[in-house]
Amino acid sequence: MTEHARQPQNARGPIVFAFALALAVYLAWMVRGLLVLLYVSALFAVVLTPVVRATSRLRAGRWKPFQGSVAIFILLLAAAAALTAFGFLAFPPVIRDLQALSGELPARVPALLEKLKEVPFADRLDPADVISWIQGSLSSAAAYLLLSLKSWAGALVQVVAGFVLTLYFILEGDAAYRWFLSFLPPQPRQRLDQTLQRAAIRMQRWLLGQLSLMLILGVVSTIVFLSLGVRYAYALGVLAGLLNIVPVLGVTVSLVLALLVAAIDSWGRVLGVAIFFMLWLQIENSWLIPRIMRNRVNLPALAIFVALLLGSAFGGIPGAMVAIPTAVLVSVLIDEYLVRNNEA
């Protein structure tokens, strides 16, 4: 009788654990957006913490002016100053040209149509219809922007929240990390700590590799735009380098912007810009990324490509941005807890 009474009691534990696990998975799925935000912020904090520490080590004699939150404030101030300077230098010429273009649009459309008559079936276009179509397209674009303000506001809130969380993780992440490890026994705690430290070093190397790719694209694209005579060459080059932090999509946006600007002057410049970006994509994907990223993060090119695809599919732009650091973390954990255990 006692053995029969113990069997239901022993089976009750796994059943309760299964229900608790299912409830935890359900709650995690309900707040998956928040969890992704926390994860992305934590990864960026891990990657940026060495930059903050390097800034805090700067000194003037024996005086260290940049310590703790002051170092973060100085970095934020420098980033804000750089973005402000870029805006003051890049946007005024663009605004002046757009104003001039809007005033000259009715007069320039007939000349443009004369050029387009060389294209088959383009001779049937009427200038009045083209002008009305352009004006309607601009009105539709403006209406779309107004209607999507709510979505843009939500995205801006997410960006600001992620930014604030990253700052908190940089300032207090070490304490939270030690608190998390305190739940483990001493030996597993030490092993996990050493594993995560190795992963953090490789993630920081990824940042250096990514910055190298951004710098190369910014410099090369500026030189190419200047040689082709494309307008706003410096602004487009800087923007191409900055947007390269977003894999695939960043280069695509840079290409579209450069093509639109080049189309203002001549189709030859459009062809030159298109050829440059095609060559860049080939060189970056087949030569630069495998060499720079593989040397930095010790991952094969196929793993990097698959990680980017999975990150984009699961998390969109933020997922693509943290895809390679996540792949580094997963590879280190697999190497420590699966490969080495099997070898042992």
C-alpha atoms as a PDB file:
ATOM      1  CA  MET A   1       0.000   0.000   0.000  1.00  0.00           C
ATOM      2  CA  THR A   2       2.822   2.359   0.801  1.00  0.00           C
ATOM      3  CA  GLU A   3       4.585   1.672  -2.516  1.00  0.00           C
ATOM      4  CA  HIS A   4       1.355   2.335  -4.432  1.00  0.00           C
ATOM      5  CA  ALA A   5       0.936   5.635  -2.564  1.00  0.00           C
ATOM      6  CA  ARG A   6       4.485   6.728  -3.385  1.00  0.00           C
ATOM      7  CA  GLN A   7       4.142   6.189  -7.142  1.00  0.00           C
ATOM      8  CA  PRO A   8       1.535   8.968  -7.691  1.00  0.00           C
ATOM      9  CA  GLN A   9       3.529  11.230  -5.392  1.00  0.00           C
ATOM     10  CA  ASN A  10       6.732  10.577  -7.353  1.00  0.00           C
ATOM     11  CA  ALA A  11       4.933  11.165 -10.663  1.00  0.00           C
ATOM     12  CA  ARG A  12       3.473  14.461  -9.416  1.00  0.00           C
ATOM     13  CA  GLY A  13       6.886  16.209  -9.529  1.00  0.00           C
ATOM     14  CA  PRO A  14       7.573  15.712 -13.260  1.00  0.00           C
ATOM     15  CA  ILE A  15       3.992  16.694 -14.085  1.00  0.00           C
ATOM     16  CA  VAL A  16       4.251  19.935 -12.100  1.00  0.00           C
ATOM     17  CA  PHE A  17       7.647  20.643 -13.671  1.00  0.00           C
ATOM     18  CA  ALA A  18       6.227  20.086 -17.180  1.00  0.00           C
ATOM     19  CA  PHE A  19       3.328  22.485 -16.504  1.00  0.00           C
ATOM     20  CA  ALA A  20       5.691  25.068 -15.007  1.00  0.00           C
ATOM     21  CA  LEU A  21       8.000  24.787 -18.028  1.00  0.00           C
ATOM     22  CA  ALA A  22       5.079  25.165 -20.442  1.00  0.00           C
ATOM     23  CA  LEU A  23       3.863  28.218 -18.517  1.00  0.00           C
ATOM     24  CA  ALA A  24       7.348  29.756 -18.579  1.00  0.00           C
ATOM     25  CA  VAL A  25       7.631  29.174 -22.340  1.00  0.00           C
ATOM     26  CA  TYR A  26       4.184  30.720 -22.864  1.00  0.00           C
ATOM     27  CA  LEU A  27       5.050  33.796 -20.794  1.00  0.00           C
ATOM     28  CA  ALA A  28       8.379  34.146 -22.613  1.00  0.00           C
ATOM     29  CA  TRP A  29       6.538  34.027 -25.941  1.00  0.00           C
ATOM     30  CA  MET A  30       4.085  36.696 -24.757  1.00  0.00           C
ATOM     31  CA  VAL A  31       6.922  39.074 -23.814  1.00  0.00           C
ATOM     32  CA  ARG A  32       9.299  37.996 -26.569  1.00  0.00           C
ATOM     33  CA  GLY A  33       9.695  41.577 -27.765  1.00  0.00           C
ATOM     34  CA  LEU A  34      10.921  42.674 -24.357  1.00  0.00           C
ATOM     35  CA  LEU A  35      13.246  39.677 -24.085  1.00  0.00           C
ATOM     36  CA  VAL A  36      14.744  40.425 -27.510  1.00  0.00           C
ATOM     37  CA  LEU A  37      15.261  44.047 -26.454  1.00  0.00           C
ATOM     38  CA  LEU A  38      16.999  42.958 -23.249  1.00  0.00           C
ATOM     39  CA  TYR A  39      19.167  40.475 -25.112  1.00  0.00           C
ATOM     40  CA  VAL A  40      20.207  42.965 -27.790  1.00  0.00           C
ATOM     41  CA  SER A  41      20.973  45.620 -25.159  1.00  0.00           C
ATOM     42  CA  ALA A  42      23.043  43.165 -23.122  1.00  0.00           C
ATOM     43  CA  LEU A  43      25.048  42.117 -26.187  1.00  0.00           C
ATOM     44  CA  PHE A  44      25.776  45.701 -27.155  1.00  0.00           C
ATOM     45  CA  ALA A  45      26.812  46.412 -23.570  1.00  0.00           C
ATOM     46  CA  VAL A  46      29.250  43.489 -23.664  1.00  0.00           C
ATOM     47  CA  VAL A  47      30.695  44.750 -26.937  1.00  0.00           C
ATOM     48  CA  LEU A  48      30.920  48.431 -25.924  1.00  0.00           C
ATOM     49  CA  THR A  49      32.174  47.981 -22.360  1.00  0.00           C
ATOM     50  CA  PRO A  50      35.886  47.814 -23.426  1.00  0.00           C
ATOM     51  CA  VAL A  51      35.458  51.158 -25.235  1.00  0.00           C
ATOM     52  CA  VAL A  52      34.114  52.733 -22.046  1.00  0.00           C
ATOM     53  CA  ARG A  53      36.911  51.207 -19.981  1.00  0.00           C
ATOM     54  CA  ALA A  54      39.553  52.416 -22.429  1.00  0.00           C
ATOM     55  CA  THR A  55      38.089  55.931 -22.191  1.00  0.00           C
ATOM     56  CA  SER A  56      38.073  55.792 -18.395  1.00  0.00           C
ATOM     57  CA  ARG A  57      41.792  54.911 -18.398  1.00  0.00           C
ATOM     58  CA  LEU A  58      42.714  58.176 -20.110  1.00  0.00           C
ATOM     59  CA  ARG A  59      44.508  60.506 -17.742  1.00  0.00           C
ATOM     60  CA  ALA A  60      46.122  63.907 -17.549  1.00  0.00           C
ATOM     61  CA  GLY A  61      49.078  63.294 -15.270  1.00  0.00           C
ATOM     62  CA  ARG A  62      47.600  61.645 -12.199  1.00  0.00           C
ATOM     63  CA  TRP A  63      44.128  62.935 -12.853  1.00  0.00           C
ATOM     64  CA  LYS A  64      41.617  60.605 -14.510  1.00  0.00           C
ATOM     65  CA  PRO A  65      38.828  62.860 -15.787  1.00  0.00           C
ATOM     66  CA  PHE A  66      36.786  60.118 -17.498  1.00  0.00           C
ATOM     67  CA  GLN A  67      35.629  57.579 -14.943  1.00  0.00           C
ATOM     68  CA  GLY A  68      32.406  55.587 -14.671  1.00  0.00           C
ATOM     69  CA  SER A  69      29.382  57.423 -15.977  1.00  0.00           C
ATOM     70  CA  VAL A  70      31.542  60.384 -17.033  1.00  0.00           C
ATOM     71  CA  ALA A  71      33.229  58.200 -19.676  1.00  0.00           C
ATOM     72  CA  ILE A  72      29.835  57.171 -21.054  1.00  0.00           C
ATOM     73  CA  PHE A  73      28.683  60.790 -21.069  1.00  0.00           C
ATOM     74  CA  ILE A  74      31.817  61.870 -22.973  1.00  0.00           C
ATOM     75  CA  LEU A  75      31.303  59.118 -25.565  1.00  0.00           C
ATOM     76  CA  LEU A  76      27.647  60.092 -25.997  1.00  0.00           C
ATOM     77  CA  LEU A  77      28.609  63.744 -26.313  1.00  0.00           C
ATOM     78  CA  ALA A  78      31.230  62.918 -28.950  1.00  0.00           C
ATOM     79  CA  ALA A  79      28.729  60.784 -30.916  1.00  0.00           C
ATOM     80  CA  ALA A  80      26.070  63.522 -30.715  1.00  0.00           C
ATOM     81  CA  ALA A  81      28.589  66.157 -31.838  1.00  0.00           C
ATOM     82  CA  ALA A  82      29.677  64.007 -34.791  1.00  0.00           C
ATOM     83  CA  LEU A  83      26.070  63.410 -35.879  1.00  0.00           C
ATOM     84  CA  THR A  84      25.236  67.108 -35.492  1.00  0.00           C
ATOM     85  CA  ALA A  85      28.244  68.135 -37.558  1.00  0.00           C
ATOM     86  CA  PHE A  86      27.310  65.590 -40.216  1.00  0.00           C
ATOM     87  CA  GLY A  87      23.754  66.955 -40.328  1.00  0.00           C
ATOM     88  CA  PHE A  88      24.892  70.577 -40.651  1.00  0.00           C
ATOM     89  CA  LEU A  89      27.297  69.682 -43.455  1.00  0.00           C
ATOM     90  CA  ALA A  90      25.149  67.173 -45.348  1.00  0.00           C
ATOM     91  CA  PHE A  91      21.553  68.392 -45.199  1.00  0.00           C
ATOM     92  CA  PRO A  92      21.692  72.092 -46.253  1.00  0.00           C
ATOM     93  CA  PRO A  93      22.946  71.361 -49.816  1.00  0.00           C
ATOM     94  CA  VAL A  94      20.340  68.628 -50.194  1.00  0.00           C
ATOM     95  CA  ILE A  95      17.538  70.917 -49.014  1.00  0.00           C
ATOM     96  CA  ARG A  96      18.651  73.709 -51.360  1.00  0.00           C
ATOM     97  CA  ASP A  97      18.774  71.358 -54.343  1.00  0.00           C
ATOM     98  CA  LEU A  98      15.353  69.892 -53.517  1.00  0.00           C
ATOM     99  CA  GLN A  99      13.840  73.359 -53.311  1.00  0.00           C
ATOM    100  CA  ALA A 100      15.414  74.303 -56.621  1.00  0.00           C
ATOM    101  CA  LEU A 101      14.284  71.029 -58.189  1.00  0.00           C
ATOM    102  CA  SER A 102      10.691  71.484 -57.028  1.00  0.00           C
ATOM    103  CA  GLY A 103      10.633  74.953 -58.598  1.00  0.00           C
ATOM    104  CA  GLU A 104      12.178  73.782 -61.878  1.00  0.00           C
ATOM    105  CA  LEU A 105      10.230  70.518 -62.101  1.00  0.00           C
ATOM    106  CA  PRO A 106       7.555  71.680 -64.588  1.00  0.00           C
ATOM    107  CA  ALA A 107      10.261  73.040 -66.906  1.00  0.00           C
ATOM    108  CA  ARG A 108      12.601  70.048 -66.615  1.00  0.00           C
ATOM    109  CA  VAL A 109      10.021  67.312 -67.193  1.00  0.00           C
ATOM    110  CA  PRO A 110       9.663  68.018 -70.958  1.00  0.00           C
ATOM    111  CA  ALA A 111      13.461  67.869 -71.363  1.00  0.00           C
ATOM    112  CA  LEU A 112      13.503  64.604 -69.469  1.00  0.00           C
ATOM    113  CA  LEU A 113      10.758  63.221 -71.677  1.00  0.00           C
ATOM    114  CA  GLU A 114      12.755  64.164 -74.763  1.00  0.00           C
ATOM    115  CA  LYS A 115      15.574  61.976 -73.451  1.00  0.00           C
ATOM    116  CA  LEU A 116      13.139  59.190 -72.625  1.00  0.00           C
ATOM    117  CA  LYS A 117      11.735  59.161 -76.180  1.00  0.00           C
ATOM    118  CA  GLU A 118      14.725  57.134 -77.191  1.00  0.00           C
ATOM    119  CA  VAL A 119      13.365  54.334 -75.003  1.00  0.00           C
ATOM    120  CA  PRO A 120      10.716  52.138 -76.677  1.00  0.00           C
ATOM    121  CA  PHE A 121       7.082  53.141 -75.890  1.00  0.00           C
ATOM    122  CA  ALA A 122       8.272  56.202 -73.922  1.00  0.00           C
ATOM    123  CA  ASP A 123       7.267  58.572 -76.754  1.00  0.00           C
ATOM    124  CA  ARG A 124       3.615  58.077 -75.795  1.00  0.00           C
ATOM    125  CA  LEU A 125       4.059  59.846 -72.456  1.00  0.00           C
ATOM    126  CA  ASP A 126       2.370  63.212 -72.005  1.00  0.00           C
ATOM    127  CA  PRO A 127       4.236  65.848 -69.904  1.00  0.00           C
ATOM    128  CA  ALA A 128       1.067  66.886 -68.077  1.00  0.00           C
ATOM    129  CA  ASP A 129       0.333  63.285 -67.137  1.00  0.00           C
ATOM    130  CA  VAL A 130       3.908  62.786 -65.905  1.00  0.00           C
ATOM    131  CA  ILE A 131       3.777  65.956 -63.783  1.00  0.00           C
ATOM    132  CA  SER A 132       0.421  64.973 -62.272  1.00  0.00           C
ATOM    133  CA  TRP A 133       1.736  61.466 -61.589  1.00  0.00           C
ATOM    134  CA  ILE A 134       4.813  62.867 -59.831  1.00  0.00           C
ATOM    135  CA  GLN A 135       2.689  65.216 -57.741  1.00  0.00           C
ATOM    136  CA  GLY A 136       0.298  62.395 -56.872  1.00  0.00           C
ATOM    137  CA  SER A 137       3.192  60.157 -55.884  1.00  0.00           C
ATOM    138  CA  LEU A 138       4.614  62.861 -53.643  1.00  0.00           C
ATOM    139  CA  SER A 139       1.207  63.397 -52.032  1.00  0.00           C
ATOM    140  CA  SER A 140       0.794  59.658 -51.465  1.00  0.00           C
ATOM    141  CA  ALA A 141       4.261  59.449 -49.950  1.00  0.00           C
ATOM    142  CA  ALA A 142       3.495  62.357 -47.620  1.00  0.00           C
ATOM    143  CA  ALA A 143       0.185  60.760 -46.580  1.00  0.00           C
ATOM    144  CA  TYR A 144       1.935  57.440 -45.962  1.00  0.00           C
ATOM    145  CA  LEU A 145       4.512  59.141 -43.766  1.00  0.00           C
ATOM    146  CA  LEU A 146       1.790  60.850 -41.757  1.00  0.00           C
ATOM    147  CA  LEU A 147      -0.156  57.624 -41.301  1.00  0.00           C
ATOM    148  CA  SER A 148       2.971  55.720 -40.276  1.00  0.00           C
ATOM    149  CA  LEU A 149       3.957  58.224 -37.586  1.00  0.00           C
ATOM    150  CA  LYS A 150       2.595  55.880 -34.928  1.00  0.00           C
ATOM    151  CA  SER A 151       4.819  53.050 -36.134  1.00  0.00           C
ATOM    152  CA  TRP A 152       7.818  55.366 -36.319  1.00  0.00           C
ATOM    153  CA  ALA A 153       7.075  56.621 -32.807  1.00  0.00           C
ATOM    154  CA  GLY A 154       6.927  53.034 -31.514  1.00  0.00           C
ATOM    155  CA  ALA A 155      10.224  52.214 -33.201  1.00  0.00           C
ATOM    156  CA  LEU A 156      11.787  55.361 -31.726  1.00  0.00           C
ATOM    157  CA  VAL A 157      10.605  54.377 -28.249  1.00  0.00           C
ATOM    158  CA  GLN A 158      12.168  50.942 -28.708  1.00  0.00           C
ATOM    159  CA  VAL A 159      15.456  52.489 -29.829  1.00  0.00           C
ATOM    160  CA  VAL A 160      15.522  54.853 -26.853  1.00  0.00           C
ATOM    161  CA  ALA A 161      14.625  52.020 -24.456  1.00  0.00           C
ATOM    162  CA  GLY A 162      17.374  49.818 -25.904  1.00  0.00           C
ATOM    163  CA  PHE A 163      19.830  52.692 -25.628  1.00  0.00           C
ATOM    164  CA  VAL A 164      18.970  53.292 -21.963  1.00  0.00           C
ATOM    165  CA  LEU A 165      19.140  49.568 -21.182  1.00  0.00           C
ATOM    166  CA  THR A 166      22.560  49.365 -22.832  1.00  0.00           C
ATOM    167  CA  LEU A 167      23.794  52.190 -20.588  1.00  0.00           C
ATOM    168  CA  TYR A 168      22.453  50.438 -17.490  1.00  0.00           C
ATOM    169  CA  PHE A 169      24.075  47.169 -18.530  1.00  0.00           C
ATOM    170  CA  ILE A 170      27.403  48.944 -19.036  1.00  0.00           C
ATOM    171  CA  LEU A 171      27.214  50.620 -15.630  1.00  0.00           C
ATOM    172  CA  GLU A 172      25.669  47.808 -13.563  1.00  0.00           C
ATOM    173  CA  GLY A 173      25.989  44.772 -15.799  1.00  0.00           C
ATOM    174  CA  ASP A 174      28.910  43.323 -13.856  1.00  0.00           C
ATOM    175  CA  ALA A 175      26.880  43.229 -10.636  1.00  0.00           C
ATOM    176  CA  ALA A 176      23.934  41.588 -12.439  1.00  0.00           C
ATOM    177  CA  TYR A 177      26.298  39.102 -14.047  1.00  0.00           C
ATOM    178  CA  ARG A 178      27.819  38.103 -10.684  1.00  0.00           C
ATOM    179  CA  TRP A 179      24.339  37.820  -9.186  1.00  0.00           C
ATOM    180  CA  PHE A 180      23.318  35.459 -11.983  1.00  0.00           C
ATOM    181  CA  LEU A 181      26.407  33.298 -11.470  1.00  0.00           C
ATOM    182  CA  SER A 182      25.802  33.136  -7.708  1.00  0.00           C
ATOM    183  CA  PHE A 183      22.917  30.708  -8.290  1.00  0.00           C
ATOM    184  CA  LEU A 184      25.349  28.049  -9.530  1.00  0.00           C
ATOM    185  CA  PRO A 185      27.628  25.808  -7.456  1.00  0.00           C
ATOM    186  CA  PRO A 186      31.290  26.919  -7.300  1.00  0.00           C
ATOM    187  CA  GLN A 187      32.743  24.552  -9.911  1.00  0.00           C
ATOM    188  CA  PRO A 188      30.055  25.017 -12.612  1.00  0.00           C
ATOM    189  CA  ARG A 189      30.070  28.738 -11.819  1.00  0.00           C
ATOM    190  CA  GLN A 190      33.784  29.029 -12.508  1.00  0.00           C
ATOM    191  CA  ARG A 191      33.503  27.041 -15.720  1.00  0.00           C
ATOM    192  CA  LEU A 192      30.580  29.109 -17.040  1.00  0.00           C
ATOM    193  CA  ASP A 193      32.339  32.335 -16.065  1.00  0.00           C
ATOM    194  CA  GLN A 194      35.480  31.396 -18.008  1.00  0.00           C
ATOM    195  CA  THR A 195      33.382  30.325 -21.010  1.00  0.00           C
ATOM    196  CA  LEU A 196      31.420  33.575 -21.105  1.00  0.00           C
ATOM    197  CA  GLN A 197      34.597  35.605 -20.709  1.00  0.00           C
ATOM    198  CA  ARG A 198      36.057  33.906 -23.794  1.00  0.00           C
ATOM    199  CA  ALA A 199      32.849  34.603 -25.694  1.00  0.00           C
ATOM    200  CA  ALA A 200      32.948  38.273 -24.623  1.00  0.00           C
ATOM    201  CA  ILE A 201      36.503  38.672 -25.957  1.00  0.00           C
ATOM    202  CA  ARG A 202      35.495  37.247 -29.333  1.00  0.00           C
ATOM    203  CA  MET A 203      32.402  39.484 -29.441  1.00  0.00           C
ATOM    204  CA  GLN A 204      34.593  42.519 -28.848  1.00  0.00           C
ATOM    205  CA  ARG A 205      36.824  41.399 -31.698  1.00  0.00           C
ATOM    206  CA  TRP A 206      33.698  41.295 -33.852  1.00  0.00           C
ATOM    207  CA  LEU A 207      33.146  44.989 -33.116  1.00  0.00           C
ATOM    208  CA  LEU A 208      36.654  45.793 -34.331  1.00  0.00           C
ATOM    209  CA  GLY A 209      36.044  43.767 -37.493  1.00  0.00           C
ATOM    210  CA  GLN A 210      32.709  45.492 -38.116  1.00  0.00           C
ATOM    211  CA  LEU A 211      34.263  48.921 -37.608  1.00  0.00           C
ATOM    212  CA  SER A 212      36.991  47.971 -40.083  1.00  0.00           C
ATOM    213  CA  LEU A 213      34.382  47.050 -42.716  1.00  0.00           C
ATOM    214  CA  MET A 214      32.490  50.295 -42.094  1.00  0.00           C
ATOM    215  CA  LEU A 215      35.660  52.371 -42.423  1.00  0.00           C
ATOM    216  CA  ILE A 216      36.735  50.617 -45.633  1.00  0.00           C
ATOM    217  CA  LEU A 217      33.329  51.082 -47.284  1.00  0.00           C
ATOM    218  CA  GLY A 218      33.104  54.727 -46.183  1.00  0.00           C
ATOM    219  CA  VAL A 219      36.529  55.642 -47.550  1.00  0.00           C
ATOM    220  CA  VAL A 220      36.259  53.649 -50.804  1.00  0.00           C
ATOM    221  CA  SER A 221      32.719  54.819 -51.598  1.00  0.00           C
ATOM    222  CA  THR A 222      33.683  58.463 -50.985  1.00  0.00           C
ATOM    223  CA  ILE A 223      36.627  58.134 -53.375  1.00  0.00           C
ATOM    224  CA  VAL A 224      34.437  56.484 -56.030  1.00  0.00           C
ATOM    225  CA  PHE A 225      31.657  59.081 -55.689  1.00  0.00           C
ATOM    226  CA  LEU A 226      34.183  61.909 -55.993  1.00  0.00           C
ATOM    227  CA  SER A 227      35.785  60.338 -59.074  1.00  0.00           C
ATOM    228  CA  LEU A 228      32.355  59.888 -60.699  1.00  0.00           C
ATOM    229  CA  GLY A 229      31.321  63.443 -59.865  1.00  0.00           C
ATOM    230  CA  VAL A 230      28.274  62.357 -57.827  1.00  0.00           C
ATOM    231  CA  ARG A 231      26.669  65.070 -55.748  1.00  0.00           C
ATOM    232  CA  TYR A 232      27.039  64.992 -51.962  1.00  0.00           C
ATOM    233  CA  ALA A 233      29.915  62.523 -52.319  1.00  0.00           C
ATOM    234  CA  TYR A 234      31.208  63.058 -48.781  1.00  0.00           C
ATOM    235  CA  ALA A 235      27.758  62.750 -47.204  1.00  0.00           C
ATOM    236  CA  LEU A 236      26.898  59.632 -49.206  1.00  0.00           C
ATOM    237  CA  GLY A 237      30.265  58.043 -48.343  1.00  0.00           C
ATOM    238  CA  VAL A 238      29.884  58.678 -44.614  1.00  0.00           C
ATOM    239  CA  LEU A 239      26.303  57.426 -44.715  1.00  0.00           C
ATOM    240  CA  ALA A 240      27.353  54.269 -46.574  1.00  0.00           C
ATOM    241  CA  GLY A 241      29.983  53.541 -43.932  1.00  0.00           C
ATOM    242  CA  LEU A 242      27.584  54.119 -41.032  1.00  0.00           C
ATOM    243  CA  LEU A 243      24.757  52.075 -42.556  1.00  0.00           C
ATOM    244  CA  ASN A 244      27.113  49.163 -43.155  1.00  0.00           C
ATOM    245  CA  ILE A 245      26.646  48.226 -39.495  1.00  0.00           C
ATOM    246  CA  VAL A 246      23.283  46.780 -40.613  1.00  0.00           C
ATOM    247  CA  PRO A 247      24.119  43.737 -42.762  1.00  0.00           C
ATOM    248  CA  VAL A 248      22.614  43.569 -46.268  1.00  0.00           C
ATOM    249  CA  LEU A 249      19.953  46.227 -45.635  1.00  0.00           C
ATOM    250  CA  GLY A 250      22.502  48.965 -44.931  1.00  0.00           C
ATOM    251  CA  VAL A 251      24.282  48.482 -48.251  1.00  0.00           C
ATOM    252  CA  THR A 252      20.919  48.305 -50.029  1.00  0.00           C
ATOM    253  CA  VAL A 253      19.782  51.645 -48.587  1.00  0.00           C
ATOM    254  CA  SER A 254      23.144  53.217 -49.486  1.00  0.00           C
ATOM    255  CA  LEU A 255      22.836  51.899 -53.036  1.00  0.00           C
ATOM    256  CA  VAL A 256      19.316  53.273 -53.503  1.00  0.00           C
ATOM    257  CA  LEU A 257      20.274  56.710 -52.166  1.00  0.00           C
ATOM    258  CA  ALA A 258      23.402  56.895 -54.318  1.00  0.00           C
ATOM    259  CA  LEU A 259      21.456  55.823 -57.434  1.00  0.00           C
ATOM    260  CA  LEU A 260      18.776  58.454 -56.832  1.00  0.00           C
ATOM    261  CA  VAL A 261      21.363  61.195 -56.392  1.00  0.00           C
ATOM    262  CA  ALA A 262      23.361  60.057 -59.438  1.00  0.00           C
ATOM    263  CA  ALA A 263      20.175  59.954 -61.557  1.00  0.00           C
ATOM    264  CA  ILE A 264      19.791  63.718 -61.096  1.00  0.00           C
ATOM    265  CA  ASP A 265      22.778  64.380 -63.365  1.00  0.00           C
ATOM    266  CA  SER A 266      23.371  61.522 -65.796  1.00  0.00           C
ATOM    267  CA  TRP A 267      22.698  57.860 -66.489  1.00  0.00           C
ATOM    268  CA  GLY A 268      26.454  57.318 -66.781  1.00  0.00           C
ATOM    269  CA  ARG A 269      26.871  58.140 -63.100  1.00  0.00           C
ATOM    270  CA  VAL A 270      24.007  55.774 -62.281  1.00  0.00           C
ATOM    271  CA  LEU A 271      25.779  52.996 -64.160  1.00  0.00           C
ATOM    272  CA  GLY A 272      29.063  53.775 -62.403  1.00  0.00           C
ATOM    273  CA  VAL A 273      27.445  53.690 -58.945  1.00  0.00           C
ATOM    274  CA  ALA A 274      25.660  50.416 -59.742  1.00  0.00           C
ATOM    275  CA  ILE A 275      28.884  48.806 -60.974  1.00  0.00           C
ATOM    276  CA  PHE A 276      30.749  49.987 -57.873  1.00  0.00           C
ATOM    277  CA  PHE A 277      28.211  48.505 -55.454  1.00  0.00           C
ATOM    278  CA  MET A 278      28.070  45.231 -57.394  1.00  0.00           C
ATOM    279  CA  LEU A 279      31.853  44.952 -57.186  1.00  0.00           C
ATOM    280  CA  TRP A 280      31.785  45.935 -53.515  1.00  0.00           C
ATOM    281  CA  LEU A 281      29.260  43.266 -52.614  1.00  0.00           C
ATOM    282  CA  GLN A 282      31.342  40.651 -54.385  1.00  0.00           C
ATOM    283  CA  ILE A 283      34.575  41.753 -52.692  1.00  0.00           C
ATOM    284  CA  GLU A 284      32.968  42.165 -49.265  1.00  0.00           C
ATOM    285  CA  ASN A 285      31.155  38.821 -49.270  1.00  0.00           C
ATOM    286  CA  SER A 286      33.877  36.733 -50.877  1.00  0.00           C
ATOM    287  CA  TRP A 287      37.053  38.330 -49.538  1.00  0.00           C
ATOM    288  CA  LEU A 288      36.660  40.965 -46.802  1.00  0.00           C
ATOM    289  CA  ILE A 289      34.065  39.348 -44.521  1.00  0.00           C
ATOM    290  CA  PRO A 290      35.631  35.855 -44.602  1.00  0.00           C
ATOM    291  CA  ARG A 291      39.088  37.230 -43.802  1.00  0.00           C
ATOM    292  CA  ILE A 292      38.249  39.988 -41.333  1.00  0.00           C
ATOM    293  CA  MET A 293      35.407  38.250 -39.512  1.00  0.00           C
ATOM    294  CA  ARG A 294      36.946  34.784 -39.562  1.00  0.00           C
ATOM    295  CA  ASN A 295      40.180  36.126 -38.078  1.00  0.00           C
ATOM    296  CA  ARG A 296      38.297  38.163 -35.488  1.00  0.00           C
ATOM    297  CA  VAL A 297      35.559  35.783 -34.357  1.00  0.00           C
ATOM    298  CA  ASN A 298      36.993  32.439 -35.564  1.00  0.00           C
ATOM    299  CA  LEU A 299      33.841  31.437 -37.443  1.00  0.00           C
ATOM    300  CA  PRO A 300      33.680  29.994 -40.983  1.00  0.00           C
ATOM    301  CA  ALA A 301      32.148  32.135 -43.717  1.00  0.00           C
ATOM    302  CA  LEU A 302      29.164  29.783 -44.079  1.00  0.00           C
ATOM    303  CA  ALA A 303      28.368  30.075 -40.367  1.00  0.00           C
ATOM    304  CA  ILE A 304      28.506  33.868 -40.604  1.00  0.00           C
ATOM    305  CA  PHE A 305      26.166  33.890 -43.611  1.00  0.00           C
ATOM    306  CA  VAL A 306      23.680  31.490 -41.981  1.00  0.00           C
ATOM    307  CA  ALA A 307      23.770  33.525 -38.759  1.00  0.00           C
ATOM    308  CA  LEU A 308      22.906  36.687 -40.683  1.00  0.00           C
ATOM    309  CA  LEU A 309      19.991  34.964 -42.415  1.00  0.00           C
ATOM    310  CA  LEU A 310      18.619  33.560 -39.152  1.00  0.00           C
ATOM    311  CA  GLY A 311      19.067  36.850 -37.320  1.00  0.00           C
ATOM    312  CA  SER A 312      17.221  38.752 -40.042  1.00  0.00           C
ATOM    313  CA  ALA A 313      14.407  36.179 -40.099  1.00  0.00           C
ATOM    314  CA  PHE A 314      13.893  36.168 -36.322  1.00  0.00           C
ATOM    315  CA  GLY A 315      14.621  39.751 -35.318  1.00  0.00           C
ATOM    316  CA  GLY A 316      14.707  41.928 -38.419  1.00  0.00           C
ATOM    317  CA  ILE A 317      17.334  44.684 -38.333  1.00  0.00           C
ATOM    318  CA  PRO A 318      18.259  44.249 -34.626  1.00  0.00           C
ATOM    319  CA  GLY A 319      18.488  40.500 -35.158  1.00  0.00           C
ATOM    320  CA  ALA A 320      20.838  40.957 -38.099  1.00  0.00           C
ATOM    321  CA  MET A 321      23.003  43.371 -36.108  1.00  0.00           C
ATOM    322  CA  VAL A 322      23.538  40.905 -33.254  1.00  0.00           C
ATOM    323  CA  ALA A 323      23.538  37.750 -35.392  1.00  0.00           C
ATOM    324  CA  ILE A 324      27.319  37.316 -35.494  1.00  0.00           C
ATOM    325  CA  PRO A 325      27.895  38.002 -31.743  1.00  0.00           C
ATOM    326  CA  THR A 326      25.123  35.521 -30.994  1.00  0.00           C
ATOM    327  CA  ALA A 327      26.748  32.945 -33.256  1.00  0.00           C
ATOM    328  CA  VAL A 328      30.023  33.523 -31.407  1.00  0.00           C
ATOM    329  CA  LEU A 329      28.317  32.955 -28.046  1.00  0.00           C
ATOM    330  CA  VAL A 330      26.591  29.793 -29.252  1.00  0.00           C
ATOM    331  CA  SER A 331      29.800  28.397 -30.771  1.00  0.00           C
ATOM    332  CA  VAL A 332      31.761  28.975 -27.554  1.00  0.00           C
ATOM    333  CA  LEU A 333      29.061  27.310 -25.431  1.00  0.00           C
ATOM    334  CA  ILE A 334      28.829  24.341 -27.810  1.00  0.00           C
ATOM    335  CA  ASP A 335      32.601  23.963 -27.832  1.00  0.00           C
ATOM    336  CA  GLU A 336      32.777  24.026 -24.039  1.00  0.00           C
ATOM    337  CA  TYR A 337      29.779  21.928 -23.042  1.00  0.00           C
ATOM    338  CA  LEU A 338      29.348  19.537 -25.956  1.00  0.00           C
ATOM    339  CA  VAL A 339      32.603  19.088 -27.867  1.00  0.00           C
ATOM    340  CA  ARG A 340      34.913  19.023 -24.862  1.00  0.00           C
ATOM    341  CA  ASN A 341      32.563  16.789 -22.879  1.00  0.00           C
ATOM    342  CA  ASN A 342      32.442  14.305 -25.751  1.00  0.00           C
ATOM    343  CA  GLU A 343      36.219  14.383 -26.050  1.00  0.00           C
ATOM    344  CA  ALA A 344      36.551  13.791 -22.309  1.00  0.00           C
END
